Amino acid sequence: MSDTTTALKPRAKVATERPKLWKVILLNDDFTPREFVVGVLMGVFRMTESEALGVMLTAHRRGACVVAVFTKEVAEEKCAQGNEAGRQAGYPLAFTTEREE
């Protein structure tokens, strides 16, 4: 046999980074009925009625409320679905996204 030895290089560990998260924010307006907002929150964000009512009331009192936190693509899709539901019903219902710090 041969007297040569083979030294293996250590493999660099690849650290997978968690995806950046984005907040979906409900903006308050004075025209969209509360019941409609609760219905959208239940349908799009899969909230219970009491959770949706709490989010809606927080947005009503403070002007805005974080609805949920998702990856960027999911947050943008949920935001678009909520805005489209309001637009189709003729209400100025508005959701927006913001990167979580």
PDB file of N, CA and C in Angstrom:
ATOM      1  N   MET A   1       0.817  -1.173   0.000  1.00  0.00           N
ATOM      2  CA  MET A   1       0.000   0.000   0.000  1.00  0.00           C
ATOM      3  C   MET A   1       0.867   1.245   0.000  1.00  0.00           C
ATOM      4  N   SER A   2       0.257   2.343  -0.235  1.00  0.00           N
ATOM      5  CA  SER A   2       0.967   3.607  -0.341  1.00  0.00           C
ATOM      6  C   SER A   2       1.129   4.248   1.037  1.00  0.00           C
ATOM      7  N   ASP A   3       2.220   4.994   1.224  1.00  0.00           N
ATOM      8  CA  ASP A   3       2.464   5.669   2.490  1.00  0.00           C
ATOM      9  C   ASP A   3       1.860   7.074   2.528  1.00  0.00           C
ATOM     10  N   THR A   4       1.098   7.451   1.561  1.00  0.00           N
ATOM     11  CA  THR A   4       0.501   8.788   1.552  1.00  0.00           C
ATOM     12  C   THR A   4      -0.774   8.786   2.374  1.00  0.00           C
ATOM     13  N   THR A   5      -0.964   9.842   3.077  1.00  0.00           N
ATOM     14  CA  THR A   5      -2.198   9.988   3.865  1.00  0.00           C
ATOM     15  C   THR A   5      -3.014  11.135   3.296  1.00  0.00           C
ATOM     16  N   THR A   6      -4.268  11.014   3.405  1.00  0.00           N
ATOM     17  CA  THR A   6      -5.170  12.045   2.908  1.00  0.00           C
ATOM     18  C   THR A   6      -5.774  12.779   4.093  1.00  0.00           C
ATOM     19  N   ALA A   7      -5.587  14.076   4.113  1.00  0.00           N
ATOM     20  CA  ALA A   7      -6.181  14.900   5.176  1.00  0.00           C
ATOM     21  C   ALA A   7      -7.451  15.525   4.633  1.00  0.00           C
ATOM     22  N   LEU A   8      -8.537  15.340   5.322  1.00  0.00           N
ATOM     23  CA  LEU A   8      -9.817  15.907   4.905  1.00  0.00           C
ATOM     24  C   LEU A   8      -9.965  17.310   5.464  1.00  0.00           C
ATOM     25  N   LYS A   9     -10.445  18.187   4.621  1.00  0.00           N
ATOM     26  CA  LYS A   9     -10.715  19.550   5.074  1.00  0.00           C
ATOM     27  C   LYS A   9     -12.028  19.536   5.850  1.00  0.00           C
ATOM     28  N   PRO A  10     -12.066  20.260   6.950  1.00  0.00           N
ATOM     29  CA  PRO A  10     -13.349  20.327   7.667  1.00  0.00           C
ATOM     30  C   PRO A  10     -14.370  21.088   6.829  1.00  0.00           C
ATOM     31  N   ARG A  11     -15.569  20.600   6.838  1.00  0.00           N
ATOM     32  CA  ARG A  11     -16.634  21.263   6.071  1.00  0.00           C
ATOM     33  C   ARG A  11     -17.118  22.488   6.829  1.00  0.00           C
ATOM     34  N   ALA A  12     -17.338  23.546   6.085  1.00  0.00           N
ATOM     35  CA  ALA A  12     -17.870  24.757   6.691  1.00  0.00           C
ATOM     36  C   ALA A  12     -19.344  24.528   7.007  1.00  0.00           C
ATOM     37  N   LYS A  13     -19.708  24.854   8.204  1.00  0.00           N
ATOM     38  CA  LYS A  13     -21.109  24.692   8.585  1.00  0.00           C
ATOM     39  C   LYS A  13     -21.919  25.846   8.002  1.00  0.00           C
ATOM     40  N   VAL A  14     -22.995  25.480   7.386  1.00  0.00           N
ATOM     41  CA  VAL A  14     -23.871  26.483   6.804  1.00  0.00           C
ATOM     42  C   VAL A  14     -24.952  26.789   7.826  1.00  0.00           C
ATOM     43  N   ALA A  15     -24.944  28.005   8.279  1.00  0.00           N
ATOM     44  CA  ALA A  15     -25.957  28.422   9.252  1.00  0.00           C
ATOM     45  C   ALA A  15     -27.158  28.968   8.496  1.00  0.00           C
ATOM     46  N   THR A  16     -28.278  28.314   8.649  1.00  0.00           N
ATOM     47  CA  THR A  16     -29.486  28.816   8.003  1.00  0.00           C
ATOM     48  C   THR A  16     -30.054  29.937   8.860  1.00  0.00           C
ATOM     49  N   GLU A  17     -30.401  30.999   8.202  1.00  0.00           N
ATOM     50  CA  GLU A  17     -30.920  32.165   8.892  1.00  0.00           C
ATOM     51  C   GLU A  17     -32.441  32.148   8.857  1.00  0.00           C
ATOM     52  N   ARG A  18     -33.026  32.535   9.959  1.00  0.00           N
ATOM     53  CA  ARG A  18     -34.488  32.610   9.998  1.00  0.00           C
ATOM     54  C   ARG A  18     -34.955  33.720   9.065  1.00  0.00           C
ATOM     55  N   PRO A  19     -36.091  33.496   8.395  1.00  0.00           N
ATOM     56  CA  PRO A  19     -36.581  34.553   7.500  1.00  0.00           C
ATOM     57  C   PRO A  19     -37.026  35.772   8.303  1.00  0.00           C
ATOM     58  N   LYS A  20     -36.876  36.920   7.691  1.00  0.00           N
ATOM     59  CA  LYS A  20     -37.325  38.160   8.329  1.00  0.00           C
ATOM     60  C   LYS A  20     -38.846  38.129   8.425  1.00  0.00           C
ATOM     61  N   LEU A  21     -39.372  38.657   9.507  1.00  0.00           N
ATOM     62  CA  LEU A  21     -40.819  38.650   9.720  1.00  0.00           C
ATOM     63  C   LEU A  21     -41.400  40.029   9.462  1.00  0.00           C
ATOM     64  N   TRP A  22     -42.656  40.021   9.036  1.00  0.00           N
ATOM     65  CA  TRP A  22     -43.373  41.249   8.706  1.00  0.00           C
ATOM     66  C   TRP A  22     -44.693  41.274   9.452  1.00  0.00           C
ATOM     67  N   LYS A  23     -45.079  42.453   9.930  1.00  0.00           N
ATOM     68  CA  LYS A  23     -46.342  42.642  10.630  1.00  0.00           C
ATOM     69  C   LYS A  23     -47.416  43.059   9.632  1.00  0.00           C
ATOM     70  N   VAL A  24     -48.601  42.518   9.803  1.00  0.00           N
ATOM     71  CA  VAL A  24     -49.774  42.991   9.059  1.00  0.00           C
ATOM     72  C   VAL A  24     -50.529  43.903  10.025  1.00  0.00           C
ATOM     73  N   ILE A  25     -50.781  45.131   9.592  1.00  0.00           N
ATOM     74  CA  ILE A  25     -51.378  46.134  10.456  1.00  0.00           C
ATOM     75  C   ILE A  25     -52.725  46.562   9.896  1.00  0.00           C
ATOM     76  N   LEU A  26     -53.735  46.569  10.751  1.00  0.00           N
ATOM     77  CA  LEU A  26     -55.070  47.062  10.400  1.00  0.00           C
ATOM     78  C   LEU A  26     -55.119  48.546  10.722  1.00  0.00           C
ATOM     79  N   LEU A  27     -55.492  49.360   9.744  1.00  0.00           N
ATOM     80  CA  LEU A  27     -55.623  50.800   9.945  1.00  0.00           C
ATOM     81  C   LEU A  27     -57.089  51.148  10.170  1.00  0.00           C
ATOM     82  N   ASN A  28     -57.329  52.015  11.111  1.00  0.00           N
ATOM     83  CA  ASN A  28     -58.698  52.403  11.434  1.00  0.00           C
ATOM     84  C   ASN A  28     -59.245  53.387  10.400  1.00  0.00           C
ATOM     85  N   ASP A  29     -60.519  53.279  10.123  1.00  0.00           N
ATOM     86  CA  ASP A  29     -61.228  54.302   9.343  1.00  0.00           C
ATOM     87  C   ASP A  29     -62.605  54.462   9.960  1.00  0.00           C
ATOM     88  N   ASP A  30     -63.268  55.551   9.635  1.00  0.00           N
ATOM     89  CA  ASP A  30     -64.562  55.844  10.252  1.00  0.00           C
ATOM     90  C   ASP A  30     -65.752  55.403   9.404  1.00  0.00           C
ATOM     91  N   PHE A  31     -65.509  54.650   8.346  1.00  0.00           N
ATOM     92  CA  PHE A  31     -66.594  54.304   7.428  1.00  0.00           C
ATOM     93  C   PHE A  31     -66.896  52.815   7.353  1.00  0.00           C
ATOM     94  N   THR A  32     -65.904  51.970   7.528  1.00  0.00           N
ATOM     95  CA  THR A  32     -66.120  50.529   7.423  1.00  0.00           C
ATOM     96  C   THR A  32     -66.837  50.027   8.670  1.00  0.00           C
ATOM     97  N   PRO A  33     -67.970  49.331   8.501  1.00  0.00           N
ATOM     98  CA  PRO A  33     -68.703  48.820   9.668  1.00  0.00           C
ATOM     99  C   PRO A  33     -67.870  47.820  10.471  1.00  0.00           C
ATOM    100  N   ARG A  34     -68.037  47.871  11.763  1.00  0.00           N
ATOM    101  CA  ARG A  34     -67.293  46.989  12.663  1.00  0.00           C
ATOM    102  C   ARG A  34     -67.527  45.524  12.344  1.00  0.00           C
ATOM    103  N   GLU A  35     -68.766  45.176  12.045  1.00  0.00           N
ATOM    104  CA  GLU A  35     -69.103  43.784  11.753  1.00  0.00           C
ATOM    105  C   GLU A  35     -68.360  43.290  10.513  1.00  0.00           C
ATOM    106  N   PHE A  36     -68.205  44.173   9.521  1.00  0.00           N
ATOM    107  CA  PHE A  36     -67.493  43.792   8.307  1.00  0.00           C
ATOM    108  C   PHE A  36     -66.018  43.543   8.608  1.00  0.00           C
ATOM    109  N   VAL A  37     -65.406  44.410   9.409  1.00  0.00           N
ATOM    110  CA  VAL A  37     -63.994  44.257   9.778  1.00  0.00           C
ATOM    111  C   VAL A  37     -63.793  42.941  10.521  1.00  0.00           C
ATOM    112  N   VAL A  38     -64.675  42.647  11.455  1.00  0.00           N
ATOM    113  CA  VAL A  38     -64.586  41.390  12.199  1.00  0.00           C
ATOM    114  C   VAL A  38     -64.700  40.201  11.238  1.00  0.00           C
ATOM    115  N   GLY A  39     -65.604  40.281  10.292  1.00  0.00           N
ATOM    116  CA  GLY A  39     -65.766  39.206   9.313  1.00  0.00           C
ATOM    117  C   GLY A  39     -64.519  38.993   8.461  1.00  0.00           C
ATOM    118  N   VAL A  40     -63.878  40.081   8.046  1.00  0.00           N
ATOM    119  CA  VAL A  40     -62.648  39.973   7.250  1.00  0.00           C
ATOM    120  C   VAL A  40     -61.533  39.361   8.090  1.00  0.00           C
ATOM    121  N   LEU A  41     -61.410  39.801   9.326  1.00  0.00           N
ATOM    122  CA  LEU A  41     -60.374  39.252  10.206  1.00  0.00           C
ATOM    123  C   LEU A  41     -60.590  37.760  10.439  1.00  0.00           C
ATOM    124  N   MET A  42     -61.834  37.354  10.590  1.00  0.00           N
ATOM    125  CA  MET A  42     -62.132  35.937  10.789  1.00  0.00           C
ATOM    126  C   MET A  42     -61.855  35.137   9.517  1.00  0.00           C
ATOM    127  N   GLY A  43     -62.217  35.690   8.369  1.00  0.00           N
ATOM    128  CA  GLY A  43     -62.053  34.965   7.111  1.00  0.00           C
ATOM    129  C   GLY A  43     -60.625  34.911   6.601  1.00  0.00           C
ATOM    130  N   VAL A  44     -59.957  36.047   6.595  1.00  0.00           N
ATOM    131  CA  VAL A  44     -58.615  36.114   6.022  1.00  0.00           C
ATOM    132  C   VAL A  44     -57.553  35.642   7.009  1.00  0.00           C
ATOM    133  N   PHE A  45     -57.697  36.035   8.280  1.00  0.00           N
ATOM    134  CA  PHE A  45     -56.660  35.741   9.263  1.00  0.00           C
ATOM    135  C   PHE A  45     -57.009  34.580  10.188  1.00  0.00           C
ATOM    136  N   ARG A  46     -58.137  33.923   9.944  1.00  0.00           N
ATOM    137  CA  ARG A  46     -58.547  32.734  10.700  1.00  0.00           C
ATOM    138  C   ARG A  46     -58.629  32.978  12.202  1.00  0.00           C
ATOM    139  N   MET A  47     -59.174  34.132  12.568  1.00  0.00           N
ATOM    140  CA  MET A  47     -59.338  34.464  13.983  1.00  0.00           C
ATOM    141  C   MET A  47     -60.701  34.004  14.470  1.00  0.00           C
ATOM    142  N   THR A  48     -60.790  33.811  15.781  1.00  0.00           N
ATOM    143  CA  THR A  48     -62.100  33.563  16.368  1.00  0.00           C
ATOM    144  C   THR A  48     -62.825  34.904  16.424  1.00  0.00           C
ATOM    145  N   GLU A  49     -64.101  34.862  16.703  1.00  0.00           N
ATOM    146  CA  GLU A  49     -64.870  36.096  16.754  1.00  0.00           C
ATOM    147  C   GLU A  49     -64.362  37.023  17.859  1.00  0.00           C
ATOM    148  N   SER A  50     -64.033  36.457  19.017  1.00  0.00           N
ATOM    149  CA  SER A  50     -63.555  37.299  20.117  1.00  0.00           C
ATOM    150  C   SER A  50     -62.177  37.891  19.815  1.00  0.00           C
ATOM    151  N   GLU A  51     -61.288  37.132  19.158  1.00  0.00           N
ATOM    152  CA  GLU A  51     -59.983  37.670  18.771  1.00  0.00           C
ATOM    153  C   GLU A  51     -60.145  38.808  17.767  1.00  0.00           C
ATOM    154  N   ALA A  52     -60.989  38.593  16.765  1.00  0.00           N
ATOM    155  CA  ALA A  52     -61.219  39.601  15.735  1.00  0.00           C
ATOM    156  C   ALA A  52     -61.842  40.859  16.330  1.00  0.00           C
ATOM    157  N   LEU A  53     -62.766  40.683  17.255  1.00  0.00           N
ATOM    158  CA  LEU A  53     -63.387  41.833  17.916  1.00  0.00           C
ATOM    159  C   LEU A  53     -62.348  42.631  18.697  1.00  0.00           C
ATOM    160  N   GLY A  54     -61.443  41.943  19.394  1.00  0.00           N
ATOM    161  CA  GLY A  54     -60.391  42.619  20.148  1.00  0.00           C
ATOM    162  C   GLY A  54     -59.453  43.400  19.249  1.00  0.00           C
ATOM    163  N   VAL A  55     -59.054  42.829  18.128  1.00  0.00           N
ATOM    164  CA  VAL A  55     -58.171  43.511  17.178  1.00  0.00           C
ATOM    165  C   VAL A  55     -58.877  44.724  16.592  1.00  0.00           C
ATOM    166  N   MET A  56     -60.134  44.551  16.199  1.00  0.00           N
ATOM    167  CA  MET A  56     -60.895  45.650  15.611  1.00  0.00           C
ATOM    168  C   MET A  56     -61.040  46.805  16.600  1.00  0.00           C
ATOM    169  N   LEU A  57     -61.351  46.485  17.868  1.00  0.00           N
ATOM    170  CA  LEU A  57     -61.515  47.541  18.869  1.00  0.00           C
ATOM    171  C   LEU A  57     -60.195  48.243  19.183  1.00  0.00           C
ATOM    172  N   THR A  58     -59.101  47.502  19.202  1.00  0.00           N
ATOM    173  CA  THR A  58     -57.795  48.117  19.424  1.00  0.00           C
ATOM    174  C   THR A  58     -57.464  49.084  18.295  1.00  0.00           C
ATOM    175  N   ALA A  59     -57.701  48.675  17.051  1.00  0.00           N
ATOM    176  CA  ALA A  59     -57.456  49.557  15.903  1.00  0.00           C
ATOM    177  C   ALA A  59     -58.364  50.776  15.972  1.00  0.00           C
ATOM    178  N   HIS A  60     -59.601  50.592  16.415  1.00  0.00           N
ATOM    179  CA  HIS A  60     -60.551  51.696  16.527  1.00  0.00           C
ATOM    180  C   HIS A  60     -60.087  52.716  17.569  1.00  0.00           C
ATOM    181  N   ARG A  61     -59.592  52.234  18.692  1.00  0.00           N
ATOM    182  CA  ARG A  61     -59.164  53.130  19.779  1.00  0.00           C
ATOM    183  C   ARG A  61     -57.814  53.793  19.523  1.00  0.00           C
ATOM    184  N   ARG A  62     -56.882  53.031  18.944  1.00  0.00           N
ATOM    185  CA  ARG A  62     -55.507  53.526  18.797  1.00  0.00           C
ATOM    186  C   ARG A  62     -55.166  53.996  17.385  1.00  0.00           C
ATOM    187  N   GLY A  63     -56.032  53.723  16.436  1.00  0.00           N
ATOM    188  CA  GLY A  63     -55.773  54.139  15.061  1.00  0.00           C
ATOM    189  C   GLY A  63     -55.171  53.050  14.192  1.00  0.00           C
ATOM    190  N   ALA A  64     -54.520  52.064  14.819  1.00  0.00           N
ATOM    191  CA  ALA A  64     -53.929  50.936  14.088  1.00  0.00           C
ATOM    192  C   ALA A  64     -53.685  49.809  15.071  1.00  0.00           C
ATOM    193  N   CYS A  65     -53.589  48.590  14.544  1.00  0.00           N
ATOM    194  CA  CYS A  65     -53.343  47.432  15.398  1.00  0.00           C
ATOM    195  C   CYS A  65     -52.639  46.353  14.587  1.00  0.00           C
ATOM    196  N   VAL A  66     -51.629  45.736  15.184  1.00  0.00           N
ATOM    197  CA  VAL A  66     -50.954  44.614  14.532  1.00  0.00           C
ATOM    198  C   VAL A  66     -51.909  43.419  14.561  1.00  0.00           C
ATOM    199  N   VAL A  67     -52.189  42.890  13.399  1.00  0.00           N
ATOM    200  CA  VAL A  67     -53.103  41.757  13.278  1.00  0.00           C
ATOM    201  C   VAL A  67     -52.352  40.443  13.485  1.00  0.00           C
ATOM    202  N   ALA A  68     -51.220  40.291  12.784  1.00  0.00           N
ATOM    203  CA  ALA A  68     -50.439  39.062  12.852  1.00  0.00           C
ATOM    204  C   ALA A  68     -49.045  39.322  12.300  1.00  0.00           C
ATOM    205  N   VAL A  69     -48.154  38.365  12.508  1.00  0.00           N
ATOM    206  CA  VAL A  69     -46.782  38.459  12.009  1.00  0.00           C
ATOM    207  C   VAL A  69     -46.501  37.220  11.164  1.00  0.00           C
ATOM    208  N   PHE A  70     -46.016  37.459   9.939  1.00  0.00           N
ATOM    209  CA  PHE A  70     -45.753  36.387   8.983  1.00  0.00           C
ATOM    210  C   PHE A  70     -44.430  36.636   8.271  1.00  0.00           C
ATOM    211  N   THR A  71     -44.053  35.686   7.412  1.00  0.00           N
ATOM    212  CA  THR A  71     -42.958  35.953   6.490  1.00  0.00           C
ATOM    213  C   THR A  71     -43.457  36.997   5.493  1.00  0.00           C
ATOM    214  N   LYS A  72     -42.541  37.618   4.765  1.00  0.00           N
ATOM    215  CA  LYS A  72     -42.906  38.725   3.882  1.00  0.00           C
ATOM    216  C   LYS A  72     -43.977  38.338   2.866  1.00  0.00           C
ATOM    217  N   GLU A  73     -43.801  37.207   2.211  1.00  0.00           N
ATOM    218  CA  GLU A  73     -44.735  36.809   1.154  1.00  0.00           C
ATOM    219  C   GLU A  73     -46.135  36.562   1.704  1.00  0.00           C
ATOM    220  N   VAL A  74     -46.222  35.891   2.840  1.00  0.00           N
ATOM    221  CA  VAL A  74     -47.530  35.602   3.447  1.00  0.00           C
ATOM    222  C   VAL A  74     -48.170  36.897   3.931  1.00  0.00           C
ATOM    223  N   ALA A  75     -47.383  37.774   4.551  1.00  0.00           N
ATOM    224  CA  ALA A  75     -47.920  39.049   5.042  1.00  0.00           C
ATOM    225  C   ALA A  75     -48.471  39.885   3.896  1.00  0.00           C
ATOM    226  N   GLU A  76     -47.745  39.950   2.798  1.00  0.00           N
ATOM    227  CA  GLU A  76     -48.228  40.722   1.646  1.00  0.00           C
ATOM    228  C   GLU A  76     -49.502  40.123   1.062  1.00  0.00           C
ATOM    229  N   GLU A  77     -49.583  38.790   1.012  1.00  0.00           N
ATOM    230  CA  GLU A  77     -50.770  38.132   0.477  1.00  0.00           C
ATOM    231  C   GLU A  77     -51.994  38.385   1.367  1.00  0.00           C
ATOM    232  N   LYS A  78     -51.830  38.241   2.687  1.00  0.00           N
ATOM    233  CA  LYS A  78     -52.944  38.479   3.620  1.00  0.00           C
ATOM    234  C   LYS A  78     -53.393  39.938   3.549  1.00  0.00           C
ATOM    235  N   CYS A  79     -52.427  40.846   3.468  1.00  0.00           N
ATOM    236  CA  CYS A  79     -52.734  42.269   3.353  1.00  0.00           C
ATOM    237  C   CYS A  79     -53.553  42.540   2.088  1.00  0.00           C
ATOM    238  N   ALA A  80     -53.120  41.976   0.978  1.00  0.00           N
ATOM    239  CA  ALA A  80     -53.831  42.158  -0.289  1.00  0.00           C
ATOM    240  C   ALA A  80     -55.240  41.569  -0.226  1.00  0.00           C
ATOM    241  N   GLN A  81     -55.396  40.404   0.401  1.00  0.00           N
ATOM    242  CA  GLN A  81     -56.718  39.779   0.520  1.00  0.00           C
ATOM    243  C   GLN A  81     -57.661  40.658   1.345  1.00  0.00           C
ATOM    244  N   GLY A  82     -57.162  41.194   2.454  1.00  0.00           N
ATOM    245  CA  GLY A  82     -57.991  42.065   3.294  1.00  0.00           C
ATOM    246  C   GLY A  82     -58.387  43.340   2.574  1.00  0.00           C
ATOM    247  N   ASN A  83     -57.428  43.966   1.888  1.00  0.00           N
ATOM    248  CA  ASN A  83     -57.720  45.192   1.142  1.00  0.00           C
ATOM    249  C   ASN A  83     -58.704  44.932   0.012  1.00  0.00           C
ATOM    250  N   GLU A  84     -58.554  43.805  -0.659  1.00  0.00           N
ATOM    251  CA  GLU A  84     -59.455  43.456  -1.762  1.00  0.00           C
ATOM    252  C   GLU A  84     -60.884  43.200  -1.249  1.00  0.00           C
ATOM    253  N   ALA A  85     -61.006  42.562  -0.091  1.00  0.00           N
ATOM    254  CA  ALA A  85     -62.342  42.321   0.484  1.00  0.00           C
ATOM    255  C   ALA A  85     -63.039  43.650   0.764  1.00  0.00           C
ATOM    256  N   GLY A  86     -62.311  44.602   1.309  1.00  0.00           N
ATOM    257  CA  GLY A  86     -62.892  45.922   1.564  1.00  0.00           C
ATOM    258  C   GLY A  86     -63.254  46.642   0.288  1.00  0.00           C
ATOM    259  N   ARG A  87     -62.368  46.576  -0.697  1.00  0.00           N
ATOM    260  CA  ARG A  87     -62.621  47.253  -1.969  1.00  0.00           C
ATOM    261  C   ARG A  87     -63.849  46.682  -2.666  1.00  0.00           C
ATOM    262  N   GLN A  88     -63.973  45.361  -2.659  1.00  0.00           N
ATOM    263  CA  GLN A  88     -65.124  44.735  -3.321  1.00  0.00           C
ATOM    264  C   GLN A  88     -66.440  45.101  -2.644  1.00  0.00           C
ATOM    265  N   ALA A  89     -66.397  45.333  -1.336  1.00  0.00           N
ATOM    266  CA  ALA A  89     -67.610  45.707  -0.613  1.00  0.00           C
ATOM    267  C   ALA A  89     -67.842  47.220  -0.633  1.00  0.00           C
ATOM    268  N   GLY A  90     -66.897  47.968  -1.189  1.00  0.00           N
ATOM    269  CA  GLY A  90     -67.054  49.409  -1.283  1.00  0.00           C
ATOM    270  C   GLY A  90     -66.638  50.160  -0.027  1.00  0.00           C
ATOM    271  N   TYR A  91     -65.796  49.564   0.798  1.00  0.00           N
ATOM    272  CA  TYR A  91     -65.330  50.199   2.028  1.00  0.00           C
ATOM    273  C   TYR A  91     -63.848  50.539   1.914  1.00  0.00           C
ATOM    274  N   PRO A  92     -63.410  51.568   2.645  1.00  0.00           N
ATOM    275  CA  PRO A  92     -61.992  51.938   2.611  1.00  0.00           C
ATOM    276  C   PRO A  92     -61.132  51.133   3.595  1.00  0.00           C
ATOM    277  N   LEU A  93     -61.501  49.906   3.868  1.00  0.00           N
ATOM    278  CA  LEU A  93     -60.749  49.047   4.791  1.00  0.00           C
ATOM    279  C   LEU A  93     -59.310  48.943   4.299  1.00  0.00           C
ATOM    280  N   ALA A  94     -58.352  49.168   5.217  1.00  0.00           N
ATOM    281  CA  ALA A  94     -56.952  49.175   4.814  1.00  0.00           C
ATOM    282  C   ALA A  94     -56.077  48.372   5.757  1.00  0.00           C
ATOM    283  N   PHE A  95     -55.289  47.495   5.168  1.00  0.00           N
ATOM    284  CA  PHE A  95     -54.237  46.772   5.877  1.00  0.00           C
ATOM    285  C   PHE A  95     -52.919  47.191   5.244  1.00  0.00           C
ATOM    286  N   THR A  96     -51.864  47.163   6.013  1.00  0.00           N
ATOM    287  CA  THR A  96     -50.542  47.458   5.496  1.00  0.00           C
ATOM    288  C   THR A  96     -49.549  46.493   6.131  1.00  0.00           C
ATOM    289  N   THR A  97     -48.339  46.433   5.579  1.00  0.00           N
ATOM    290  CA  THR A  97     -47.307  45.591   6.159  1.00  0.00           C
ATOM    291  C   THR A  97     -46.132  46.446   6.591  1.00  0.00           C
ATOM    292  N   GLU A  98     -45.403  45.946   7.565  1.00  0.00           N
ATOM    293  CA  GLU A  98     -44.234  46.650   8.084  1.00  0.00           C
ATOM    294  C   GLU A  98     -43.254  45.601   8.599  1.00  0.00           C
ATOM    295  N   ARG A  99     -41.989  45.807   8.316  1.00  0.00           N
ATOM    296  CA  ARG A  99     -40.976  44.839   8.781  1.00  0.00           C
ATOM    297  C   ARG A  99     -40.856  44.895  10.281  1.00  0.00           C
ATOM    298  N   GLU A 100     -40.789  43.721  10.884  1.00  0.00           N
ATOM    299  CA  GLU A 100     -40.655  43.638  12.338  1.00  0.00           C
ATOM    300  C   GLU A 100     -39.195  43.877  12.707  1.00  0.00           C
ATOM    301  N   GLU A 101     -38.983  44.656  13.732  1.00  0.00           N
ATOM    302  CA  GLU A 101     -37.614  44.988  14.158  1.00  0.00           C
ATOM    303  C   GLU A 101     -36.984  43.852  14.896  1.00  0.00           C
TER     304      GLU A 101
END
